[in-house]
Amino acid sequence: MSASSPVASFGQVHEMRMDGDVMKMHALKDGLEIPAGKTVELKPGGYHVMLMDLKTPLVKDTSIPVTLVFVDSKGVESKTELTVPVNSMAQMQMSHTSN
């Protein structure tokens, strides 16, 4: 459903896709559905967590804490705490939409 980290004001689950030479991404306002018994990978170029309004620049080759929030089919919320590496990303032309 969502993500958070002390290094950002808030986090969102996004989907990215290429439209010609332009990367377009948008927040999944209803979260990312993970079908029962299936795996959904979060990675650049697809579904990913976007940390918004960073409180400080992220430093390459360090790690940051991230909390993922899940809601099951019965509406029960759970959280998973992660420590994720900070990697550099190639600069790309992006179009960010709010749908």
PDB file of N, CA and C in Angstrom:
ATOM      1  N   MET A   1       0.813  -1.201   0.000  1.00  0.00           N
ATOM      2  CA  MET A   1       0.000   0.000   0.000  1.00  0.00           C
ATOM      3  C   MET A   1       0.856   1.264   0.000  1.00  0.00           C
ATOM      4  N   SER A   2       1.899   1.253   0.840  1.00  0.00           N
ATOM      5  CA  SER A   2       2.705   2.464   0.955  1.00  0.00           C
ATOM      6  C   SER A   2       4.081   2.122   1.511  1.00  0.00           C
ATOM      7  N   ALA A   3       4.899   3.154   1.613  1.00  0.00           N
ATOM      8  CA  ALA A   3       6.248   3.010   2.147  1.00  0.00           C
ATOM      9  C   ALA A   3       6.603   4.269   2.911  1.00  0.00           C
ATOM     10  N   SER A   4       7.515   4.133   3.854  1.00  0.00           N
ATOM     11  CA  SER A   4       7.990   5.302   4.584  1.00  0.00           C
ATOM     12  C   SER A   4       9.453   5.092   4.940  1.00  0.00           C
ATOM     13  N   SER A   5      10.126   6.206   5.218  1.00  0.00           N
ATOM     14  CA  SER A   5      11.522   6.174   5.633  1.00  0.00           C
ATOM     15  C   SER A   5      11.810   7.460   6.389  1.00  0.00           C
ATOM     16  N   PRO A   6      12.658   7.407   7.400  1.00  0.00           N
ATOM     17  CA  PRO A   6      13.005   8.638   8.109  1.00  0.00           C
ATOM     18  C   PRO A   6      13.765   9.643   7.243  1.00  0.00           C
ATOM     19  N   VAL A   7      14.262   9.219   6.069  1.00  0.00           N
ATOM     20  CA  VAL A   7      15.006  10.132   5.203  1.00  0.00           C
ATOM     21  C   VAL A   7      14.096  10.931   4.267  1.00  0.00           C
ATOM     22  N   ALA A   8      12.773  10.652   4.292  1.00  0.00           N
ATOM     23  CA  ALA A   8      11.834  11.310   3.377  1.00  0.00           C
ATOM     24  C   ALA A   8      10.557  11.688   4.116  1.00  0.00           C
ATOM     25  N   SER A   9       9.861  12.685   3.585  1.00  0.00           N
ATOM     26  CA  SER A   9       8.589  13.080   4.183  1.00  0.00           C
ATOM     27  C   SER A   9       7.533  12.001   4.002  1.00  0.00           C
ATOM     28  N   PHE A  10       7.559  11.306   2.848  1.00  0.00           N
ATOM     29  CA  PHE A  10       6.625  10.207   2.614  1.00  0.00           C
ATOM     30  C   PHE A  10       7.133   9.362   1.457  1.00  0.00           C
ATOM     31  N   GLY A  11       6.561   8.198   1.306  1.00  0.00           N
ATOM     32  CA  GLY A  11       6.910   7.304   0.211  1.00  0.00           C
ATOM     33  C   GLY A  11       5.664   6.883  -0.538  1.00  0.00           C
ATOM     34  N   GLN A  12       5.833   6.533  -1.796  1.00  0.00           N
ATOM     35  CA  GLN A  12       4.727   6.075  -2.624  1.00  0.00           C
ATOM     36  C   GLN A  12       5.183   4.855  -3.412  1.00  0.00           C
ATOM     37  N   VAL A  13       4.229   3.997  -3.761  1.00  0.00           N
ATOM     38  CA  VAL A  13       4.494   2.894  -4.667  1.00  0.00           C
ATOM     39  C   VAL A  13       4.175   3.406  -6.070  1.00  0.00           C
ATOM     40  N   HIS A  14       5.139   3.296  -6.978  1.00  0.00           N
ATOM     41  CA  HIS A  14       5.011   3.825  -8.337  1.00  0.00           C
ATOM     42  C   HIS A  14       5.116   2.717  -9.369  1.00  0.00           C
ATOM     43  N   GLU A  15       4.606   3.024 -10.551  1.00  0.00           N
ATOM     44  CA  GLU A  15       4.814   2.189 -11.724  1.00  0.00           C
ATOM     45  C   GLU A  15       5.513   3.042 -12.759  1.00  0.00           C
ATOM     46  N   MET A  16       6.531   2.487 -13.407  1.00  0.00           N
ATOM     47  CA  MET A  16       7.270   3.191 -14.449  1.00  0.00           C
ATOM     48  C   MET A  16       7.122   2.441 -15.751  1.00  0.00           C
ATOM     49  N   ARG A  17       7.053   3.192 -16.846  1.00  0.00           N
ATOM     50  CA  ARG A  17       7.034   2.582 -18.172  1.00  0.00           C
ATOM     51  C   ARG A  17       7.676   3.560 -19.145  1.00  0.00           C
ATOM     52  N   MET A  18       8.173   3.031 -20.239  1.00  0.00           N
ATOM     53  CA  MET A  18       8.769   3.862 -21.283  1.00  0.00           C
ATOM     54  C   MET A  18       7.714   4.157 -22.336  1.00  0.00           C
ATOM     55  N   ASP A  19       7.677   5.420 -22.781  1.00  0.00           N
ATOM     56  CA  ASP A  19       6.811   5.860 -23.874  1.00  0.00           C
ATOM     57  C   ASP A  19       7.744   6.479 -24.901  1.00  0.00           C
ATOM     58  N   GLY A  20       8.198   5.658 -25.863  1.00  0.00           N
ATOM     59  CA  GLY A  20       9.251   6.110 -26.769  1.00  0.00           C
ATOM     60  C   GLY A  20      10.535   6.251 -25.987  1.00  0.00           C
ATOM     61  N   ASP A  21      11.109   7.463 -26.007  1.00  0.00           N
ATOM     62  CA  ASP A  21      12.343   7.729 -25.263  1.00  0.00           C
ATOM     63  C   ASP A  21      12.086   8.408 -23.927  1.00  0.00           C
ATOM     64  N   VAL A  22      10.828   8.496 -23.507  1.00  0.00           N
ATOM     65  CA  VAL A  22      10.482   9.205 -22.277  1.00  0.00           C
ATOM     66  C   VAL A  22      10.004   8.220 -21.220  1.00  0.00           C
ATOM     67  N   MET A  23      10.637   8.293 -20.039  1.00  0.00           N
ATOM     68  CA  MET A  23      10.203   7.469 -18.915  1.00  0.00           C
ATOM     69  C   MET A  23       9.016   8.153 -18.256  1.00  0.00           C
ATOM     70  N   LYS A  24       7.930   7.433 -18.098  1.00  0.00           N
ATOM     71  CA  LYS A  24       6.754   7.969 -17.419  1.00  0.00           C
ATOM     72  C   LYS A  24       6.484   7.120 -16.189  1.00  0.00           C
ATOM     73  N   MET A  25       6.128   7.777 -15.108  1.00  0.00           N
ATOM     74  CA  MET A  25       5.787   7.046 -13.903  1.00  0.00           C
ATOM     75  C   MET A  25       4.628   7.717 -13.204  1.00  0.00           C
ATOM     76  N   HIS A  26       3.919   6.921 -12.427  1.00  0.00           N
ATOM     77  CA  HIS A  26       2.805   7.458 -11.641  1.00  0.00           C
ATOM     78  C   HIS A  26       2.653   6.642 -10.362  1.00  0.00           C
ATOM     79  N   ALA A  27       2.115   7.313  -9.349  1.00  0.00           N
ATOM     80  CA  ALA A  27       1.853   6.657  -8.071  1.00  0.00           C
ATOM     81  C   ALA A  27       0.640   5.745  -8.216  1.00  0.00           C
ATOM     82  N   LEU A  28       0.689   4.597  -7.566  1.00  0.00           N
ATOM     83  CA  LEU A  28      -0.446   3.679  -7.532  1.00  0.00           C
ATOM     84  C   LEU A  28      -1.260   4.026  -6.296  1.00  0.00           C
ATOM     85  N   LYS A  29      -2.268   4.877  -6.470  1.00  0.00           N
ATOM     86  CA  LYS A  29      -3.001   5.407  -5.317  1.00  0.00           C
ATOM     87  C   LYS A  29      -3.711   4.337  -4.504  1.00  0.00           C
ATOM     88  N   ASP A  30      -4.025   3.193  -5.113  1.00  0.00           N
ATOM     89  CA  ASP A  30      -4.655   2.095  -4.382  1.00  0.00           C
ATOM     90  C   ASP A  30      -3.648   1.018  -4.004  1.00  0.00           C
ATOM     91  N   GLY A  31      -2.358   1.325  -4.147  1.00  0.00           N
ATOM     92  CA  GLY A  31      -1.318   0.370  -3.819  1.00  0.00           C
ATOM     93  C   GLY A  31      -1.088  -0.616  -4.941  1.00  0.00           C
ATOM     94  N   LEU A  32      -0.179  -1.521  -4.729  1.00  0.00           N
ATOM     95  CA  LEU A  32       0.204  -2.542  -5.703  1.00  0.00           C
ATOM     96  C   LEU A  32      -0.395  -3.868  -5.272  1.00  0.00           C
ATOM     97  N   GLU A  33      -1.252  -4.429  -6.112  1.00  0.00           N
ATOM     98  CA  GLU A  33      -1.857  -5.718  -5.779  1.00  0.00           C
ATOM     99  C   GLU A  33      -0.835  -6.833  -5.977  1.00  0.00           C
ATOM    100  N   ILE A  34      -0.720  -7.667  -4.963  1.00  0.00           N
ATOM    101  CA  ILE A  34       0.152  -8.842  -5.036  1.00  0.00           C
ATOM    102  C   ILE A  34      -0.771 -10.060  -4.942  1.00  0.00           C
ATOM    103  N   PRO A  35      -1.006 -10.729  -6.059  1.00  0.00           N
ATOM    104  CA  PRO A  35      -1.910 -11.893  -6.044  1.00  0.00           C
ATOM    105  C   PRO A  35      -1.410 -12.977  -5.093  1.00  0.00           C
ATOM    106  N   ALA A  36      -2.348 -13.677  -4.454  1.00  0.00           N
ATOM    107  CA  ALA A  36      -2.002 -14.747  -3.519  1.00  0.00           C
ATOM    108  C   ALA A  36      -1.091 -15.760  -4.196  1.00  0.00           C
ATOM    109  N   GLY A  37      -0.005 -16.106  -3.517  1.00  0.00           N
ATOM    110  CA  GLY A  37       0.920 -17.110  -4.015  1.00  0.00           C
ATOM    111  C   GLY A  37       1.853 -16.624  -5.114  1.00  0.00           C
ATOM    112  N   LYS A  38       1.791 -15.343  -5.454  1.00  0.00           N
ATOM    113  CA  LYS A  38       2.614 -14.787  -6.533  1.00  0.00           C
ATOM    114  C   LYS A  38       3.676 -13.868  -5.956  1.00  0.00           C
ATOM    115  N   THR A  39       4.662 -13.545  -6.778  1.00  0.00           N
ATOM    116  CA  THR A  39       5.722 -12.615  -6.413  1.00  0.00           C
ATOM    117  C   THR A  39       5.652 -11.411  -7.329  1.00  0.00           C
ATOM    118  N   VAL A  40       5.802 -10.235  -6.767  1.00  0.00           N
ATOM    119  CA  VAL A  40       5.899  -9.003  -7.550  1.00  0.00           C
ATOM    120  C   VAL A  40       7.223  -8.354  -7.174  1.00  0.00           C
ATOM    121  N   GLU A  41       8.048  -8.083  -8.170  1.00  0.00           N
ATOM    122  CA  GLU A  41       9.374  -7.532  -7.925  1.00  0.00           C
ATOM    123  C   GLU A  41       9.347  -6.010  -8.020  1.00  0.00           C
ATOM    124  N   LEU A  42       9.947  -5.356  -7.031  1.00  0.00           N
ATOM    125  CA  LEU A  42      10.134  -3.906  -7.069  1.00  0.00           C
ATOM    126  C   LEU A  42      11.528  -3.664  -7.626  1.00  0.00           C
ATOM    127  N   LYS A  43      11.614  -2.889  -8.728  1.00  0.00           N
ATOM    128  CA  LYS A  43      12.912  -2.660  -9.359  1.00  0.00           C
ATOM    129  C   LYS A  43      12.816  -1.455 -10.287  1.00  0.00           C
ATOM    130  N   PRO A  44      13.959  -0.845 -10.612  1.00  0.00           N
ATOM    131  CA  PRO A  44      13.944   0.248 -11.593  1.00  0.00           C
ATOM    132  C   PRO A  44      13.359  -0.251 -12.914  1.00  0.00           C
ATOM    133  N   GLY A  45      12.583   0.587 -13.546  1.00  0.00           N
ATOM    134  CA  GLY A  45      11.995   0.229 -14.825  1.00  0.00           C
ATOM    135  C   GLY A  45      10.659  -0.479 -14.703  1.00  0.00           C
ATOM    136  N   GLY A  46      10.120  -0.577 -13.502  1.00  0.00           N
ATOM    137  CA  GLY A  46       8.837  -1.238 -13.288  1.00  0.00           C
ATOM    138  C   GLY A  46       8.185  -0.676 -12.042  1.00  0.00           C
ATOM    139  N   TYR A  47       7.689  -1.557 -11.202  1.00  0.00           N
ATOM    140  CA  TYR A  47       7.142  -1.122  -9.915  1.00  0.00           C
ATOM    141  C   TYR A  47       8.302  -0.793  -8.986  1.00  0.00           C
ATOM    142  N   HIS A  48       8.167   0.299  -8.245  1.00  0.00           N
ATOM    143  CA  HIS A  48       9.235   0.695  -7.331  1.00  0.00           C
ATOM    144  C   HIS A  48       8.674   1.597  -6.239  1.00  0.00           C
ATOM    145  N   VAL A  49       9.462   1.785  -5.197  1.00  0.00           N
ATOM    146  CA  VAL A  49       9.110   2.711  -4.117  1.00  0.00           C
ATOM    147  C   VAL A  49       9.801   4.029  -4.399  1.00  0.00           C
ATOM    148  N   MET A  50       9.041   5.114  -4.369  1.00  0.00           N
ATOM    149  CA  MET A  50       9.583   6.458  -4.587  1.00  0.00           C
ATOM    150  C   MET A  50       9.523   7.199  -3.251  1.00  0.00           C
ATOM    151  N   LEU A  51      10.685   7.580  -2.746  1.00  0.00           N
ATOM    152  CA  LEU A  51      10.749   8.387  -1.526  1.00  0.00           C
ATOM    153  C   LEU A  51      10.666   9.842  -1.945  1.00  0.00           C
ATOM    154  N   MET A  52       9.714  10.566  -1.367  1.00  0.00           N
ATOM    155  CA  MET A  52       9.414  11.932  -1.778  1.00  0.00           C
ATOM    156  C   MET A  52       9.852  12.935  -0.718  1.00  0.00           C
ATOM    157  N   ASP A  53      10.239  14.110  -1.196  1.00  0.00           N
ATOM    158  CA  ASP A  53      10.632  15.214  -0.320  1.00  0.00           C
ATOM    159  C   ASP A  53      11.727  14.757   0.644  1.00  0.00           C
ATOM    160  N   LEU A  54      12.863  14.359   0.050  1.00  0.00           N
ATOM    161  CA  LEU A  54      13.984  13.879   0.861  1.00  0.00           C
ATOM    162  C   LEU A  54      14.429  14.944   1.858  1.00  0.00           C
ATOM    163  N   LYS A  55      14.738  14.526   3.055  1.00  0.00           N
ATOM    164  CA  LYS A  55      15.177  15.442   4.107  1.00  0.00           C
ATOM    165  C   LYS A  55      16.666  15.742   4.007  1.00  0.00           C
ATOM    166  N   THR A  56      17.405  14.869   3.306  1.00  0.00           N
ATOM    167  CA  THR A  56      18.836  15.035   3.103  1.00  0.00           C
ATOM    168  C   THR A  56      19.213  14.256   1.846  1.00  0.00           C
ATOM    169  N   PRO A  57      20.247  14.665   1.130  1.00  0.00           N
ATOM    170  CA  PRO A  57      20.649  13.888  -0.050  1.00  0.00           C
ATOM    171  C   PRO A  57      21.061  12.467   0.354  1.00  0.00           C
ATOM    172  N   LEU A  58      20.725  11.506  -0.492  1.00  0.00           N
ATOM    173  CA  LEU A  58      21.133  10.125  -0.241  1.00  0.00           C
ATOM    174  C   LEU A  58      22.555   9.932  -0.767  1.00  0.00           C
ATOM    175  N   VAL A  59      23.352   9.196  -0.024  1.00  0.00           N
ATOM    176  CA  VAL A  59      24.755   9.004  -0.366  1.00  0.00           C
ATOM    177  C   VAL A  59      24.937   7.605  -0.947  1.00  0.00           C
ATOM    178  N   LYS A  60      25.508   7.548  -2.168  1.00  0.00           N
ATOM    179  CA  LYS A  60      25.757   6.276  -2.841  1.00  0.00           C
ATOM    180  C   LYS A  60      26.578   5.353  -1.948  1.00  0.00           C
ATOM    181  N   ASP A  61      26.260   4.075  -2.022  1.00  0.00           N
ATOM    182  CA  ASP A  61      26.941   3.016  -1.272  1.00  0.00           C
ATOM    183  C   ASP A  61      26.695   3.065   0.236  1.00  0.00           C
ATOM    184  N   THR A  62      25.601   3.719   0.651  1.00  0.00           N
ATOM    185  CA  THR A  62      25.161   3.648   2.041  1.00  0.00           C
ATOM    186  C   THR A  62      23.841   2.865   2.048  1.00  0.00           C
ATOM    187  N   SER A  63      23.223   2.740   3.199  1.00  0.00           N
ATOM    188  CA  SER A  63      21.931   2.067   3.324  1.00  0.00           C
ATOM    189  C   SER A  63      20.979   2.953   4.097  1.00  0.00           C
ATOM    190  N   ILE A  64      19.679   2.786   3.812  1.00  0.00           N
ATOM    191  CA  ILE A  64      18.659   3.548   4.529  1.00  0.00           C
ATOM    192  C   ILE A  64      17.550   2.607   4.988  1.00  0.00           C
ATOM    193  N   PRO A  65      16.876   2.952   6.099  1.00  0.00           N
ATOM    194  CA  PRO A  65      15.739   2.140   6.536  1.00  0.00           C
ATOM    195  C   PRO A  65      14.484   2.517   5.738  1.00  0.00           C
ATOM    196  N   VAL A  66      13.720   1.507   5.359  1.00  0.00           N
ATOM    197  CA  VAL A  66      12.449   1.700   4.659  1.00  0.00           C
ATOM    198  C   VAL A  66      11.432   0.747   5.272  1.00  0.00           C
ATOM    199  N   THR A  67      10.226   1.249   5.509  1.00  0.00           N
ATOM    200  CA  THR A  67       9.128   0.418   6.008  1.00  0.00           C
ATOM    201  C   THR A  67       8.089   0.273   4.911  1.00  0.00           C
ATOM    202  N   LEU A  68       7.768  -0.970   4.553  1.00  0.00           N
ATOM    203  CA  LEU A  68       6.699  -1.244   3.591  1.00  0.00           C
ATOM    204  C   LEU A  68       5.439  -1.600   4.363  1.00  0.00           C
ATOM    205  N   VAL A  69       4.305  -1.040   3.923  1.00  0.00           N
ATOM    206  CA  VAL A  69       3.018  -1.292   4.567  1.00  0.00           C
ATOM    207  C   VAL A  69       2.160  -2.127   3.625  1.00  0.00           C
ATOM    208  N   PHE A  70       1.659  -3.243   4.136  1.00  0.00           N
ATOM    209  CA  PHE A  70       0.809  -4.152   3.375  1.00  0.00           C
ATOM    210  C   PHE A  70      -0.573  -4.198   4.006  1.00  0.00           C
ATOM    211  N   VAL A  71      -1.590  -4.420   3.182  1.00  0.00           N
ATOM    212  CA  VAL A  71      -2.952  -4.650   3.666  1.00  0.00           C
ATOM    213  C   VAL A  71      -3.445  -5.905   2.959  1.00  0.00           C
ATOM    214  N   ASP A  72      -3.862  -6.908   3.748  1.00  0.00           N
ATOM    215  CA  ASP A  72      -4.305  -8.157   3.123  1.00  0.00           C
ATOM    216  C   ASP A  72      -5.755  -8.056   2.672  1.00  0.00           C
ATOM    217  N   SER A  73      -6.255  -9.118   2.076  1.00  0.00           N
ATOM    218  CA  SER A  73      -7.613  -9.111   1.510  1.00  0.00           C
ATOM    219  C   SER A  73      -8.696  -8.921   2.564  1.00  0.00           C
ATOM    220  N   LYS A  74      -8.357  -9.130   3.842  1.00  0.00           N
ATOM    221  CA  LYS A  74      -9.308  -8.924   4.937  1.00  0.00           C
ATOM    222  C   LYS A  74      -9.179  -7.537   5.551  1.00  0.00           C
ATOM    223  N   GLY A  75      -8.262  -6.718   5.013  1.00  0.00           N
ATOM    224  CA  GLY A  75      -8.068  -5.367   5.528  1.00  0.00           C
ATOM    225  C   GLY A  75      -7.096  -5.258   6.684  1.00  0.00           C
ATOM    226  N   VAL A  76      -6.384  -6.339   6.985  1.00  0.00           N
ATOM    227  CA  VAL A  76      -5.425  -6.337   8.093  1.00  0.00           C
ATOM    228  C   VAL A  76      -4.095  -5.766   7.602  1.00  0.00           C
ATOM    229  N   GLU A  77      -3.609  -4.753   8.320  1.00  0.00           N
ATOM    230  CA  GLU A  77      -2.363  -4.090   7.949  1.00  0.00           C
ATOM    231  C   GLU A  77      -1.173  -4.755   8.629  1.00  0.00           C
ATOM    232  N   SER A  78      -0.075  -4.867   7.879  1.00  0.00           N
ATOM    233  CA  SER A  78       1.184  -5.338   8.451  1.00  0.00           C
ATOM    234  C   SER A  78       2.315  -4.495   7.869  1.00  0.00           C
ATOM    235  N   LYS A  79       3.442  -4.492   8.573  1.00  0.00           N
ATOM    236  CA  LYS A  79       4.593  -3.701   8.140  1.00  0.00           C
ATOM    237  C   LYS A  79       5.824  -4.586   8.095  1.00  0.00           C
ATOM    238  N   THR A  80       6.694  -4.286   7.136  1.00  0.00           N
ATOM    239  CA  THR A  80       7.976  -4.973   7.027  1.00  0.00           C
ATOM    240  C   THR A  80       9.076  -3.926   7.004  1.00  0.00           C
ATOM    241  N   GLU A  81      10.029  -4.069   7.913  1.00  0.00           N
ATOM    242  CA  GLU A  81      11.159  -3.144   8.009  1.00  0.00           C
ATOM    243  C   GLU A  81      12.318  -3.675   7.165  1.00  0.00           C
ATOM    244  N   LEU A  82      12.868  -2.820   6.311  1.00  0.00           N
ATOM    245  CA  LEU A  82      13.986  -3.194   5.453  1.00  0.00           C
ATOM    246  C   LEU A  82      15.135  -2.216   5.625  1.00  0.00           C
ATOM    247  N   THR A  83      16.314  -2.653   5.289  1.00  0.00           N
ATOM    248  CA  THR A  83      17.453  -1.766   5.124  1.00  0.00           C
ATOM    249  C   THR A  83      17.877  -1.928   3.675  1.00  0.00           C
ATOM    250  N   VAL A  84      17.785  -0.840   2.904  1.00  0.00           N
ATOM    251  CA  VAL A  84      18.039  -0.945   1.463  1.00  0.00           C
ATOM    252  C   VAL A  84      19.259  -0.126   1.073  1.00  0.00           C
ATOM    253  N   PRO A  85      20.021  -0.626   0.090  1.00  0.00           N
ATOM    254  CA  PRO A  85      21.220   0.094  -0.366  1.00  0.00           C
ATOM    255  C   PRO A  85      20.844   1.289  -1.229  1.00  0.00           C
ATOM    256  N   VAL A  86      21.661   2.318  -1.155  1.00  0.00           N
ATOM    257  CA  VAL A  86      21.520   3.491  -2.017  1.00  0.00           C
ATOM    258  C   VAL A  86      22.455   3.286  -3.200  1.00  0.00           C
ATOM    259  N   ASN A  87      21.881   3.205  -4.396  1.00  0.00           N
ATOM    260  CA  ASN A  87      22.650   3.037  -5.630  1.00  0.00           C
ATOM    261  C   ASN A  87      22.488   4.281  -6.474  1.00  0.00           C
ATOM    262  N   SER A  88      23.427   4.536  -7.354  1.00  0.00           N
ATOM    263  CA  SER A  88      23.270   5.666  -8.270  1.00  0.00           C
ATOM    264  C   SER A  88      22.342   5.239  -9.399  1.00  0.00           C
ATOM    265  N   MET A  89      21.619   6.190  -9.950  1.00  0.00           N
ATOM    266  CA  MET A  89      20.729   5.926 -11.078  1.00  0.00           C
ATOM    267  C   MET A  89      21.169   6.780 -12.246  1.00  0.00           C
ATOM    268  N   ALA A  90      21.117   6.212 -13.436  1.00  0.00           N
ATOM    269  CA  ALA A  90      21.429   6.983 -14.635  1.00  0.00           C
ATOM    270  C   ALA A  90      20.372   8.061 -14.807  1.00  0.00           C
ATOM    271  N   GLN A  91      20.794   9.244 -15.239  1.00  0.00           N
ATOM    272  CA  GLN A  91      19.836  10.310 -15.472  1.00  0.00           C
ATOM    273  C   GLN A  91      19.054  10.001 -16.725  1.00  0.00           C
ATOM    274  N   MET A  92      17.723  10.158 -16.619  1.00  0.00           N
ATOM    275  CA  MET A  92      16.841   9.903 -17.746  1.00  0.00           C
ATOM    276  C   MET A  92      15.839  11.038 -17.815  1.00  0.00           C
ATOM    277  N   GLN A  93      15.296  11.262 -19.015  1.00  0.00           N
ATOM    278  CA  GLN A  93      14.233  12.249 -19.152  1.00  0.00           C
ATOM    279  C   GLN A  93      12.976  11.614 -18.582  1.00  0.00           C
ATOM    280  N   MET A  94      12.322  12.309 -17.609  1.00  0.00           N
ATOM    281  CA  MET A  94      11.169  11.734 -16.945  1.00  0.00           C
ATOM    282  C   MET A  94       9.948  12.608 -17.094  1.00  0.00           C
ATOM    283  N   SER A  95       8.805  11.964 -17.138  1.00  0.00           N
ATOM    284  CA  SER A  95       7.522  12.636 -17.065  1.00  0.00           C
ATOM    285  C   SER A  95       6.771  11.999 -15.914  1.00  0.00           C
ATOM    286  N   HIS A  96       6.425  12.759 -14.903  1.00  0.00           N
ATOM    287  CA  HIS A  96       5.756  12.246 -13.721  1.00  0.00           C
ATOM    288  C   HIS A  96       4.310  12.686 -13.770  1.00  0.00           C
ATOM    289  N   THR A  97       3.379  11.719 -13.711  1.00  0.00           N
ATOM    290  CA  THR A  97       1.955  12.042 -13.769  1.00  0.00           C
ATOM    291  C   THR A  97       1.313  11.726 -12.436  1.00  0.00           C
ATOM    292  N   SER A  98       0.185  12.348 -12.178  1.00  0.00           N
ATOM    293  CA  SER A  98      -0.472  12.165 -10.884  1.00  0.00           C
ATOM    294  C   SER A  98      -1.624  11.167 -10.940  1.00  0.00           C
ATOM    295  N   ASN A  99      -1.845  10.452 -12.062  1.00  0.00           N
ATOM    296  CA  ASN A  99      -2.943   9.482 -12.092  1.00  0.00           C
ATOM    297  C   ASN A  99      -2.545   8.214 -11.428  1.00  0.00           C
TER     298      ASN A  99
END
